[in-house]
Amino acid sequence: MNRLLEEGFEVKGFSKINGEKEQFLLDFLGRNASFTRIEAVDDNEWNRTKIIVTKTSQPLTHLIEIKKNTKTIHQTTQLIVHFLVGEWMNLDDSGIHTGKHHISYTSDQFNKEAIDIDDFLPVFISLLLKKHDLPPVVNVISNKMATNRTKNLENYLFIRDNRPRHIFVKRLKKHYQRYNRFYHIS
């Protein structure tokens, strides 16, 4: 959300405040004049794009639903984003936590599959701004996984690393160290 706010988008957030961490994040985002927390979502609003982010039953996979409702476009697209990693996600200074598993920043899985949220967001924003129809389902995976594809390529987006992996990991560690206290509260 923070990146969307930085890019000048108006953001309305809808979520439950279940603890101190959520309250901290709400206060963090709430300082931006383009952010508003809402209590309910109006499905009948025109000229709006709704983005709904949920976790899936697969570890490290997020489902991002884009609902466009304008005078010319009425569509829903689901982005299935595999191994998206960024600040405030379930991480520490050595790796990512997925339920009972820990994936080290130095592991082959992290180096091959992880998508830096900073590499994903420009692609995501370009999808939001598209004026024509998108496919109903799009799989988003790391470009390094492209050799393992077996499905219809029209429904895949491959995200390329735009900076060396060690810079990505350094950024995650720095954020974790700065906000360590908030990563461990519920």
N, C-alpha and C. Protein backbone atom coordinates (compact mmCIF):
# COMPACT_ATOMS: atom_id res chain seq x y z
N MET A 1 0.81 -1.20 0.00
CA MET A 1 0.00 0.00 0.00
C MET A 1 0.86 1.26 0.00
N ASN A 2 1.93 1.21 0.76
CA ASN A 2 2.78 2.38 0.87
C ASN A 2 3.29 2.83 -0.49
N ARG A 3 3.68 1.89 -1.34
CA ARG A 3 4.18 2.23 -2.67
C ARG A 3 3.09 2.86 -3.52
N LEU A 4 1.86 2.35 -3.42
CA LEU A 4 0.76 2.96 -4.16
C LEU A 4 0.54 4.40 -3.72
N LEU A 5 0.63 4.63 -2.42
CA LEU A 5 0.50 5.99 -1.89
C LEU A 5 1.63 6.88 -2.41
N GLU A 6 2.86 6.34 -2.40
CA GLU A 6 4.01 7.10 -2.90
C GLU A 6 3.86 7.45 -4.37
N GLU A 7 3.17 6.59 -5.13
CA GLU A 7 2.97 6.83 -6.57
C GLU A 7 1.79 7.75 -6.85
N GLY A 8 1.11 8.23 -5.79
CA GLY A 8 0.04 9.19 -5.96
C GLY A 8 -1.36 8.61 -6.05
N PHE A 9 -1.51 7.30 -5.80
CA PHE A 9 -2.83 6.69 -5.82
C PHE A 9 -3.58 7.02 -4.54
N GLU A 10 -4.90 7.15 -4.65
CA GLU A 10 -5.75 7.27 -3.48
C GLU A 10 -6.05 5.85 -3.01
N VAL A 11 -5.83 5.57 -1.73
CA VAL A 11 -6.01 4.23 -1.21
C VAL A 11 -7.02 4.26 -0.07
N LYS A 12 -7.98 3.35 -0.16
CA LYS A 12 -8.93 3.15 0.93
C LYS A 12 -8.67 1.76 1.47
N GLY A 13 -8.30 1.68 2.75
CA GLY A 13 -7.96 0.40 3.36
C GLY A 13 -9.12 -0.16 4.15
N PHE A 14 -9.34 -1.45 3.98
CA PHE A 14 -10.42 -2.13 4.68
C PHE A 14 -9.84 -3.39 5.31
N SER A 15 -9.69 -3.39 6.63
CA SER A 15 -9.23 -4.58 7.34
C SER A 15 -9.55 -4.44 8.81
N LYS A 16 -9.53 -5.56 9.48
CA LYS A 16 -9.77 -5.55 10.91
C LYS A 16 -8.46 -5.23 11.63
N ILE A 17 -8.57 -4.50 12.72
CA ILE A 17 -7.41 -4.23 13.56
C ILE A 17 -7.43 -5.28 14.66
N ASN A 18 -6.57 -6.30 14.52
CA ASN A 18 -6.57 -7.43 15.45
C ASN A 18 -5.49 -7.35 16.50
N GLY A 19 -4.67 -6.33 16.45
CA GLY A 19 -3.60 -6.26 17.43
C GLY A 19 -2.75 -5.03 17.25
N GLU A 20 -1.69 -4.99 18.04
CA GLU A 20 -0.80 -3.83 18.05
C GLU A 20 -0.08 -3.64 16.72
N LYS A 21 0.29 -4.74 16.05
CA LYS A 21 0.98 -4.64 14.77
C LYS A 21 0.09 -3.98 13.72
N GLU A 22 -1.17 -4.42 13.63
CA GLU A 22 -2.09 -3.82 12.66
C GLU A 22 -2.33 -2.35 12.97
N GLN A 23 -2.43 -2.03 14.27
CA GLN A 23 -2.64 -0.64 14.66
C GLN A 23 -1.43 0.21 14.27
N PHE A 24 -0.22 -0.31 14.48
CA PHE A 24 1.00 0.41 14.09
C PHE A 24 1.01 0.66 12.58
N LEU A 25 0.69 -0.37 11.78
CA LEU A 25 0.69 -0.20 10.33
C LEU A 25 -0.38 0.79 9.89
N LEU A 26 -1.54 0.75 10.54
CA LEU A 26 -2.59 1.72 10.22
C LEU A 26 -2.12 3.14 10.54
N ASP A 27 -1.49 3.32 11.69
CA ASP A 27 -0.96 4.65 12.05
C ASP A 27 0.13 5.08 11.07
N PHE A 28 0.96 4.13 10.65
CA PHE A 28 2.05 4.40 9.71
C PHE A 28 1.49 4.89 8.37
N LEU A 29 0.48 4.21 7.85
CA LEU A 29 -0.12 4.59 6.57
C LEU A 29 -1.04 5.80 6.72
N GLY A 30 -1.69 5.90 7.87
CA GLY A 30 -2.67 6.95 8.10
C GLY A 30 -2.12 8.36 8.06
N ARG A 31 -0.80 8.49 8.13
CA ARG A 31 -0.19 9.82 8.05
C ARG A 31 -0.28 10.40 6.65
N ASN A 32 -0.54 9.56 5.65
CA ASN A 32 -0.61 10.01 4.27
C ASN A 32 -2.03 10.50 3.98
N ALA A 33 -2.15 11.70 3.44
CA ALA A 33 -3.46 12.30 3.16
C ALA A 33 -4.25 11.51 2.10
N SER A 34 -3.58 10.69 1.31
CA SER A 34 -4.27 9.92 0.27
C SER A 34 -4.78 8.57 0.79
N PHE A 35 -4.56 8.30 2.08
CA PHE A 35 -5.03 7.04 2.67
C PHE A 35 -6.23 7.30 3.56
N THR A 36 -7.25 6.45 3.39
CA THR A 36 -8.43 6.51 4.24
C THR A 36 -8.78 5.08 4.65
N ARG A 37 -9.04 4.89 5.93
CA ARG A 37 -9.51 3.58 6.39
C ARG A 37 -11.03 3.61 6.32
N ILE A 38 -11.60 2.58 5.70
CA ILE A 38 -13.06 2.52 5.58
C ILE A 38 -13.58 1.31 6.35
N GLU A 39 -14.83 1.39 6.75
CA GLU A 39 -15.45 0.31 7.53
C GLU A 39 -16.12 -0.73 6.64
N ALA A 40 -16.55 -0.32 5.45
CA ALA A 40 -17.24 -1.24 4.54
C ALA A 40 -16.89 -0.89 3.10
N VAL A 41 -17.02 -1.86 2.22
CA VAL A 41 -16.72 -1.67 0.81
C VAL A 41 -18.03 -1.56 0.04
N ASP A 42 -18.17 -0.51 -0.77
CA ASP A 42 -19.37 -0.31 -1.59
C ASP A 42 -19.11 -0.93 -2.97
N ASP A 43 -19.78 -2.05 -3.26
CA ASP A 43 -19.58 -2.74 -4.53
C ASP A 43 -20.17 -2.00 -5.72
N ASN A 44 -20.94 -0.97 -5.48
CA ASN A 44 -21.60 -0.25 -6.56
C ASN A 44 -20.89 1.03 -6.97
N GLU A 45 -19.72 1.30 -6.41
CA GLU A 45 -19.01 2.54 -6.76
C GLU A 45 -18.54 2.48 -8.21
N TRP A 46 -18.74 3.57 -8.94
CA TRP A 46 -18.25 3.68 -10.31
C TRP A 46 -16.87 4.30 -10.31
N ASN A 47 -16.14 4.08 -11.39
CA ASN A 47 -14.81 4.65 -11.58
C ASN A 47 -13.86 4.29 -10.44
N ARG A 48 -13.93 3.06 -10.01
CA ARG A 48 -13.08 2.59 -8.94
C ARG A 48 -12.43 1.28 -9.34
N THR A 49 -11.26 1.05 -8.81
CA THR A 49 -10.60 -0.24 -8.92
C THR A 49 -10.35 -0.72 -7.50
N LYS A 50 -10.87 -1.89 -7.20
CA LYS A 50 -10.67 -2.48 -5.88
C LYS A 50 -9.60 -3.54 -5.97
N ILE A 51 -8.74 -3.58 -4.97
CA ILE A 51 -7.68 -4.57 -4.88
C ILE A 51 -7.87 -5.31 -3.57
N ILE A 52 -8.02 -6.61 -3.67
CA ILE A 52 -8.20 -7.43 -2.48
C ILE A 52 -7.03 -8.41 -2.42
N VAL A 53 -6.27 -8.38 -1.32
CA VAL A 53 -5.11 -9.24 -1.17
C VAL A 53 -5.40 -10.25 -0.07
N THR A 54 -5.24 -11.53 -0.39
CA THR A 54 -5.43 -12.59 0.60
C THR A 54 -4.32 -13.61 0.46
N LYS A 55 -4.07 -14.35 1.53
CA LYS A 55 -3.14 -15.46 1.46
C LYS A 55 -3.90 -16.67 0.96
N THR A 56 -3.19 -17.61 0.37
CA THR A 56 -3.82 -18.84 -0.11
C THR A 56 -3.40 -19.99 0.79
N SER A 57 -3.92 -21.17 0.50
CA SER A 57 -3.55 -22.35 1.27
C SER A 57 -2.12 -22.79 0.96
N GLN A 58 -1.56 -22.31 -0.16
CA GLN A 58 -0.18 -22.62 -0.50
C GLN A 58 0.74 -21.64 0.22
N PRO A 59 1.76 -22.13 0.91
CA PRO A 59 2.68 -21.21 1.58
C PRO A 59 3.32 -20.25 0.57
N LEU A 60 3.52 -19.03 0.99
CA LEU A 60 4.19 -17.99 0.20
C LEU A 60 3.46 -17.59 -1.07
N THR A 61 2.18 -17.88 -1.17
CA THR A 61 1.42 -17.50 -2.35
C THR A 61 0.31 -16.54 -1.93
N HIS A 62 0.22 -15.41 -2.64
CA HIS A 62 -0.82 -14.43 -2.38
C HIS A 62 -1.78 -14.38 -3.57
N LEU A 63 -3.02 -14.18 -3.27
CA LEU A 63 -4.02 -13.98 -4.30
C LEU A 63 -4.38 -12.50 -4.27
N ILE A 64 -4.16 -11.82 -5.39
CA ILE A 64 -4.50 -10.40 -5.50
C ILE A 64 -5.61 -10.29 -6.53
N GLU A 65 -6.75 -9.84 -6.07
CA GLU A 65 -7.91 -9.71 -6.95
C GLU A 65 -8.07 -8.24 -7.32
N ILE A 66 -8.08 -7.98 -8.61
CA ILE A 66 -8.27 -6.62 -9.12
C ILE A 66 -9.68 -6.56 -9.70
N LYS A 67 -10.53 -5.73 -9.12
CA LYS A 67 -11.89 -5.56 -9.62
C LYS A 67 -12.01 -4.16 -10.20
N LYS A 68 -12.14 -4.11 -11.51
CA LYS A 68 -12.32 -2.82 -12.19
C LYS A 68 -13.80 -2.61 -12.46
N ASN A 69 -14.29 -1.47 -12.03
CA ASN A 69 -15.70 -1.14 -12.22
C ASN A 69 -15.78 0.31 -12.69
N THR A 70 -15.71 0.50 -14.00
CA THR A 70 -15.81 1.84 -14.56
C THR A 70 -16.96 1.84 -15.58
N LYS A 71 -17.16 2.95 -16.23
CA LYS A 71 -18.24 3.03 -17.22
C LYS A 71 -17.95 2.16 -18.43
N THR A 72 -16.66 1.86 -18.69
CA THR A 72 -16.32 1.06 -19.87
C THR A 72 -15.77 -0.32 -19.55
N ILE A 73 -15.30 -0.55 -18.34
CA ILE A 73 -14.71 -1.84 -17.98
C ILE A 73 -15.36 -2.37 -16.71
N HIS A 74 -15.82 -3.61 -16.79
CA HIS A 74 -16.33 -4.32 -15.62
C HIS A 74 -15.66 -5.69 -15.64
N GLN A 75 -14.63 -5.85 -14.88
CA GLN A 75 -13.93 -7.12 -14.91
C GLN A 75 -13.23 -7.40 -13.58
N THR A 76 -12.97 -8.68 -13.37
CA THR A 76 -12.21 -9.12 -12.22
C THR A 76 -11.05 -9.97 -12.73
N THR A 77 -9.86 -9.67 -12.26
CA THR A 77 -8.68 -10.45 -12.59
C THR A 77 -8.03 -10.92 -11.30
N GLN A 78 -7.68 -12.18 -11.25
CA GLN A 78 -6.96 -12.72 -10.11
C GLN A 78 -5.50 -12.91 -10.48
N LEU A 79 -4.62 -12.28 -9.69
CA LEU A 79 -3.18 -12.51 -9.82
C LEU A 79 -2.78 -13.51 -8.75
N ILE A 80 -2.20 -14.61 -9.16
CA ILE A 80 -1.69 -15.59 -8.21
C ILE A 80 -0.19 -15.36 -8.17
N VAL A 81 0.27 -14.75 -7.08
CA VAL A 81 1.66 -14.30 -6.98
C VAL A 81 2.42 -15.28 -6.08
N HIS A 82 3.40 -15.95 -6.66
CA HIS A 82 4.17 -16.97 -5.97
C HIS A 82 5.42 -16.37 -5.33
N PHE A 83 5.56 -16.54 -4.03
CA PHE A 83 6.75 -16.19 -3.25
C PHE A 83 7.09 -14.70 -3.33
N LEU A 84 6.11 -13.87 -3.07
CA LEU A 84 6.30 -12.42 -3.01
C LEU A 84 6.87 -12.06 -1.64
N VAL A 85 7.95 -11.29 -1.63
CA VAL A 85 8.65 -10.97 -0.38
C VAL A 85 8.89 -9.47 -0.30
N GLY A 86 8.58 -8.90 0.87
CA GLY A 86 8.83 -7.49 1.09
C GLY A 86 8.71 -7.14 2.55
N GLU A 87 8.90 -5.88 2.83
CA GLU A 87 8.83 -5.39 4.20
C GLU A 87 7.47 -5.72 4.81
N TRP A 88 7.45 -5.93 6.10
CA TRP A 88 6.29 -6.24 6.92
C TRP A 88 5.76 -7.65 6.73
N MET A 89 6.35 -8.41 5.82
CA MET A 89 5.93 -9.80 5.68
C MET A 89 6.60 -10.61 6.79
N ASN A 90 6.24 -11.86 6.89
CA ASN A 90 6.69 -12.71 7.99
C ASN A 90 8.15 -13.11 7.79
N LEU A 91 9.06 -12.23 8.24
CA LEU A 91 10.48 -12.46 8.04
C LEU A 91 11.28 -12.07 9.27
N ASP A 92 12.56 -12.41 9.23
CA ASP A 92 13.50 -11.96 10.25
C ASP A 92 14.82 -11.66 9.55
N ASP A 93 15.90 -11.52 10.31
CA ASP A 93 17.16 -11.13 9.67
C ASP A 93 17.89 -12.29 9.00
N SER A 94 17.30 -13.50 9.05
CA SER A 94 17.95 -14.63 8.38
C SER A 94 17.10 -15.26 7.27
N GLY A 95 15.80 -14.90 7.21
CA GLY A 95 14.98 -15.49 6.17
C GLY A 95 13.50 -15.24 6.37
N ILE A 96 12.70 -16.04 5.65
CA ILE A 96 11.25 -15.92 5.60
C ILE A 96 10.64 -17.07 6.38
N HIS A 97 9.57 -16.79 7.12
CA HIS A 97 8.84 -17.83 7.84
C HIS A 97 7.56 -18.16 7.09
N THR A 98 7.32 -19.45 6.91
CA THR A 98 6.09 -19.91 6.26
C THR A 98 5.48 -20.98 7.14
N GLY A 99 4.63 -20.59 8.02
CA GLY A 99 4.04 -21.56 8.93
C GLY A 99 5.12 -22.19 9.78
N LYS A 100 5.36 -23.47 9.57
CA LYS A 100 6.35 -24.21 10.37
C LYS A 100 7.74 -24.20 9.74
N HIS A 101 7.88 -23.65 8.55
CA HIS A 101 9.15 -23.68 7.84
C HIS A 101 9.84 -22.32 7.85
N HIS A 102 11.15 -22.35 7.73
CA HIS A 102 11.96 -21.14 7.60
C HIS A 102 12.79 -21.29 6.34
N ILE A 103 12.72 -20.29 5.47
CA ILE A 103 13.49 -20.32 4.23
C ILE A 103 14.56 -19.25 4.33
N SER A 104 15.80 -19.69 4.35
CA SER A 104 16.94 -18.79 4.50
C SER A 104 17.12 -17.92 3.26
N TYR A 105 17.62 -16.70 3.49
CA TYR A 105 17.93 -15.81 2.38
C TYR A 105 19.01 -16.40 1.47
N THR A 106 19.80 -17.33 1.99
CA THR A 106 20.88 -17.92 1.20
C THR A 106 20.48 -19.23 0.53
N SER A 107 19.23 -19.67 0.72
CA SER A 107 18.79 -20.96 0.16
C SER A 107 18.58 -20.86 -1.35
N ASP A 108 18.67 -22.01 -2.00
CA ASP A 108 18.38 -22.08 -3.44
C ASP A 108 16.94 -21.68 -3.73
N GLN A 109 16.01 -22.10 -2.86
CA GLN A 109 14.61 -21.76 -3.07
C GLN A 109 14.40 -20.25 -3.06
N PHE A 110 14.97 -19.57 -2.08
CA PHE A 110 14.83 -18.12 -2.02
C PHE A 110 15.45 -17.47 -3.24
N ASN A 111 16.66 -17.89 -3.60
CA ASN A 111 17.36 -17.26 -4.72
C ASN A 111 16.70 -17.52 -6.07
N LYS A 112 15.99 -18.62 -6.18
CA LYS A 112 15.35 -18.96 -7.46
C LYS A 112 13.91 -18.45 -7.55
N GLU A 113 13.18 -18.49 -6.44
CA GLU A 113 11.74 -18.25 -6.50
C GLU A 113 11.27 -16.90 -5.96
N ALA A 114 12.00 -16.31 -5.03
CA ALA A 114 11.52 -15.09 -4.36
C ALA A 114 11.38 -13.93 -5.35
N ILE A 115 10.27 -13.22 -5.21
CA ILE A 115 10.01 -12.01 -6.00
C ILE A 115 10.05 -10.83 -5.05
N ASP A 116 10.95 -9.90 -5.33
CA ASP A 116 11.05 -8.67 -4.55
C ASP A 116 9.81 -7.82 -4.84
N ILE A 117 9.13 -7.42 -3.79
CA ILE A 117 7.92 -6.62 -3.98
C ILE A 117 8.23 -5.33 -4.75
N ASP A 118 9.44 -4.81 -4.63
CA ASP A 118 9.82 -3.61 -5.39
C ASP A 118 9.95 -3.88 -6.88
N ASP A 119 10.22 -5.13 -7.27
CA ASP A 119 10.24 -5.50 -8.69
C ASP A 119 8.83 -5.80 -9.20
N PHE A 120 7.98 -6.29 -8.32
CA PHE A 120 6.61 -6.63 -8.68
C PHE A 120 5.71 -5.40 -8.83
N LEU A 121 5.88 -4.41 -7.97
CA LEU A 121 4.94 -3.28 -7.94
C LEU A 121 4.86 -2.47 -9.23
N PRO A 122 5.95 -2.17 -9.93
CA PRO A 122 5.78 -1.45 -11.21
C PRO A 122 4.93 -2.23 -12.22
N VAL A 123 5.09 -3.55 -12.26
CA VAL A 123 4.28 -4.38 -13.14
C VAL A 123 2.82 -4.34 -12.69
N PHE A 124 2.62 -4.45 -11.38
CA PHE A 124 1.27 -4.41 -10.82
C PHE A 124 0.58 -3.08 -11.13
N ILE A 125 1.30 -1.98 -10.95
CA ILE A 125 0.73 -0.66 -11.23
C ILE A 125 0.38 -0.53 -12.71
N SER A 126 1.22 -1.07 -13.59
CA SER A 126 0.90 -1.00 -15.02
C SER A 126 -0.37 -1.80 -15.33
N LEU A 127 -0.60 -2.90 -14.62
CA LEU A 127 -1.84 -3.66 -14.81
C LEU A 127 -3.05 -2.86 -14.34
N LEU A 128 -2.88 -2.13 -13.24
CA LEU A 128 -3.98 -1.30 -12.74
C LEU A 128 -4.37 -0.22 -13.74
N LEU A 129 -3.39 0.32 -14.45
CA LEU A 129 -3.63 1.43 -15.36
C LEU A 129 -4.09 0.99 -16.74
N LYS A 130 -4.01 -0.31 -17.05
CA LYS A 130 -4.44 -0.79 -18.37
C LYS A 130 -5.92 -0.49 -18.59
N LYS A 131 -6.22 -0.03 -19.78
CA LYS A 131 -7.60 0.33 -20.12
C LYS A 131 -8.35 -0.83 -20.79
N HIS A 132 -7.63 -1.87 -21.18
CA HIS A 132 -8.31 -2.99 -21.84
C HIS A 132 -8.36 -4.20 -20.91
N ASP A 133 -9.10 -5.20 -21.37
CA ASP A 133 -9.33 -6.38 -20.55
C ASP A 133 -8.04 -7.14 -20.27
N LEU A 134 -8.00 -7.71 -19.07
CA LEU A 134 -6.94 -8.61 -18.66
C LEU A 134 -7.52 -10.02 -18.61
N PRO A 135 -6.67 -11.04 -18.69
CA PRO A 135 -7.20 -12.39 -18.52
C PRO A 135 -7.80 -12.55 -17.12
N PRO A 136 -8.71 -13.49 -16.94
CA PRO A 136 -9.33 -13.65 -15.62
C PRO A 136 -8.36 -14.14 -14.54
N VAL A 137 -7.33 -14.90 -14.94
CA VAL A 137 -6.34 -15.40 -13.98
C VAL A 137 -4.96 -15.23 -14.58
N VAL A 138 -4.04 -14.66 -13.79
CA VAL A 138 -2.65 -14.49 -14.22
C VAL A 138 -1.75 -15.02 -13.11
N ASN A 139 -0.84 -15.92 -13.47
CA ASN A 139 0.15 -16.43 -12.54
C ASN A 139 1.39 -15.56 -12.62
N VAL A 140 1.89 -15.12 -11.47
CA VAL A 140 3.07 -14.26 -11.42
C VAL A 140 4.17 -15.04 -10.72
N ILE A 141 5.28 -15.27 -11.45
CA ILE A 141 6.40 -16.02 -10.87
C ILE A 141 7.72 -15.34 -11.22
N SER A 142 8.75 -15.74 -10.52
CA SER A 142 10.09 -15.23 -10.79
C SER A 142 10.53 -15.64 -12.18
N ASN A 143 11.23 -14.76 -12.86
CA ASN A 143 11.77 -15.05 -14.18
C ASN A 143 12.69 -16.28 -14.14
N LYS A 144 13.32 -16.51 -13.00
CA LYS A 144 14.22 -17.67 -12.86
C LYS A 144 13.46 -18.99 -12.89
N MET A 145 12.14 -18.94 -12.70
CA MET A 145 11.31 -20.14 -12.75
C MET A 145 10.77 -20.39 -14.15
N ALA A 146 11.09 -19.55 -15.10
CA ALA A 146 10.52 -19.64 -16.44
C ALA A 146 10.80 -20.97 -17.11
N THR A 147 11.89 -21.62 -16.80
CA THR A 147 12.21 -22.90 -17.43
C THR A 147 11.29 -24.02 -16.95
N ASN A 148 10.60 -23.81 -15.84
CA ASN A 148 9.71 -24.83 -15.29
C ASN A 148 8.27 -24.67 -15.75
N ARG A 149 8.02 -23.76 -16.67
CA ARG A 149 6.63 -23.50 -17.06
C ARG A 149 6.09 -24.62 -17.95
N THR A 150 4.86 -24.96 -17.71
CA THR A 150 4.22 -25.99 -18.52
C THR A 150 2.83 -25.56 -18.94
N LYS A 151 2.41 -24.40 -18.52
CA LYS A 151 1.04 -23.95 -18.79
C LYS A 151 1.02 -22.94 -19.93
N ASN A 152 -0.14 -22.41 -20.21
CA ASN A 152 -0.35 -21.41 -21.24
C ASN A 152 0.41 -20.12 -20.88
N LEU A 153 1.36 -19.73 -21.71
CA LEU A 153 2.19 -18.57 -21.42
C LEU A 153 1.40 -17.26 -21.38
N GLU A 154 0.25 -17.22 -22.01
CA GLU A 154 -0.56 -16.00 -22.00
C GLU A 154 -1.04 -15.65 -20.60
N ASN A 155 -1.06 -16.61 -19.73
CA ASN A 155 -1.57 -16.39 -18.38
C ASN A 155 -0.45 -16.30 -17.35
N TYR A 156 0.77 -16.01 -17.79
CA TYR A 156 1.91 -15.89 -16.88
C TYR A 156 2.58 -14.53 -17.03
N LEU A 157 3.01 -14.00 -15.92
CA LEU A 157 3.88 -12.83 -15.89
C LEU A 157 5.16 -13.27 -15.19
N PHE A 158 6.29 -13.00 -15.80
CA PHE A 158 7.57 -13.36 -15.22
C PHE A 158 8.25 -12.08 -14.72
N ILE A 159 8.55 -12.05 -13.44
CA ILE A 159 9.16 -10.87 -12.83
C ILE A 159 10.67 -11.06 -12.79
N ARG A 160 11.38 -10.12 -13.38
CA ARG A 160 12.84 -10.16 -13.45
C ARG A 160 13.42 -9.40 -12.27
N ASP A 161 14.52 -9.93 -11.73
CA ASP A 161 15.24 -9.20 -10.68
C ASP A 161 15.82 -7.93 -11.29
N ASN A 162 15.51 -6.79 -10.71
CA ASN A 162 16.01 -5.53 -11.24
C ASN A 162 17.23 -5.01 -10.50
N ARG A 163 17.67 -5.77 -9.51
CA ARG A 163 18.87 -5.40 -8.75
C ARG A 163 19.47 -6.68 -8.20
N PRO A 164 20.74 -6.65 -7.83
CA PRO A 164 21.35 -7.87 -7.28
C PRO A 164 20.62 -8.36 -6.04
N ARG A 165 20.57 -9.66 -5.89
CA ARG A 165 19.85 -10.29 -4.78
C ARG A 165 20.36 -9.82 -3.43
N HIS A 166 21.68 -9.61 -3.30
CA HIS A 166 22.22 -9.20 -1.99
C HIS A 166 21.71 -7.81 -1.58
N ILE A 167 21.40 -6.95 -2.52
CA ILE A 167 20.85 -5.63 -2.19
C ILE A 167 19.41 -5.79 -1.68
N PHE A 168 18.65 -6.67 -2.30
CA PHE A 168 17.29 -6.98 -1.86
C PHE A 168 17.31 -7.51 -0.42
N VAL A 169 18.19 -8.47 -0.15
CA VAL A 169 18.29 -9.05 1.19
C VAL A 169 18.75 -8.01 2.20
N LYS A 170 19.68 -7.18 1.82
CA LYS A 170 20.18 -6.12 2.71
C LYS A 170 19.04 -5.17 3.10
N ARG A 171 18.18 -4.83 2.13
CA ARG A 171 17.04 -3.96 2.40
C ARG A 171 16.07 -4.61 3.38
N LEU A 172 15.79 -5.90 3.19
CA LEU A 172 14.90 -6.62 4.10
C LEU A 172 15.46 -6.66 5.52
N LYS A 173 16.75 -6.96 5.63
CA LYS A 173 17.40 -7.04 6.94
C LYS A 173 17.40 -5.68 7.63
N LYS A 174 17.68 -4.64 6.88
CA LYS A 174 17.70 -3.29 7.45
C LYS A 174 16.32 -2.90 7.97
N HIS A 175 15.28 -3.20 7.21
CA HIS A 175 13.92 -2.90 7.64
C HIS A 175 13.57 -3.71 8.89
N TYR A 176 13.93 -4.98 8.87
CA TYR A 176 13.64 -5.84 10.02
C TYR A 176 14.35 -5.30 11.27
N GLN A 177 15.62 -4.92 11.13
CA GLN A 177 16.37 -4.40 12.28
C GLN A 177 15.77 -3.09 12.79
N ARG A 178 15.31 -2.25 11.89
CA ARG A 178 14.74 -0.97 12.29
C ARG A 178 13.40 -1.13 13.01
N TYR A 179 12.57 -2.06 12.52
CA TYR A 179 11.22 -2.24 13.06
C TYR A 179 11.06 -3.59 13.76
N ASN A 180 12.13 -4.17 14.22
CA ASN A 180 12.15 -5.49 14.83
C ASN A 180 11.02 -5.67 15.84
N ARG A 181 10.81 -4.70 16.68
CA ARG A 181 9.79 -4.79 17.73
C ARG A 181 8.40 -5.05 17.15
N PHE A 182 8.10 -4.48 16.01
CA PHE A 182 6.76 -4.62 15.42
C PHE A 182 6.58 -5.91 14.64
N TYR A 183 7.67 -6.57 14.27
CA TYR A 183 7.56 -7.85 13.58
C TYR A 183 7.12 -8.95 14.55
N HIS A 184 7.34 -8.76 15.83
CA HIS A 184 7.09 -9.83 16.80
C HIS A 184 5.85 -9.62 17.65
N ILE A 185 5.10 -8.59 17.39
CA ILE A 185 3.87 -8.39 18.15
C ILE A 185 2.69 -8.89 17.34
N SER A 186 1.63 -9.20 18.02
CA SER A 186 0.46 -9.71 17.27
C SER A 186 -0.64 -8.67 17.27
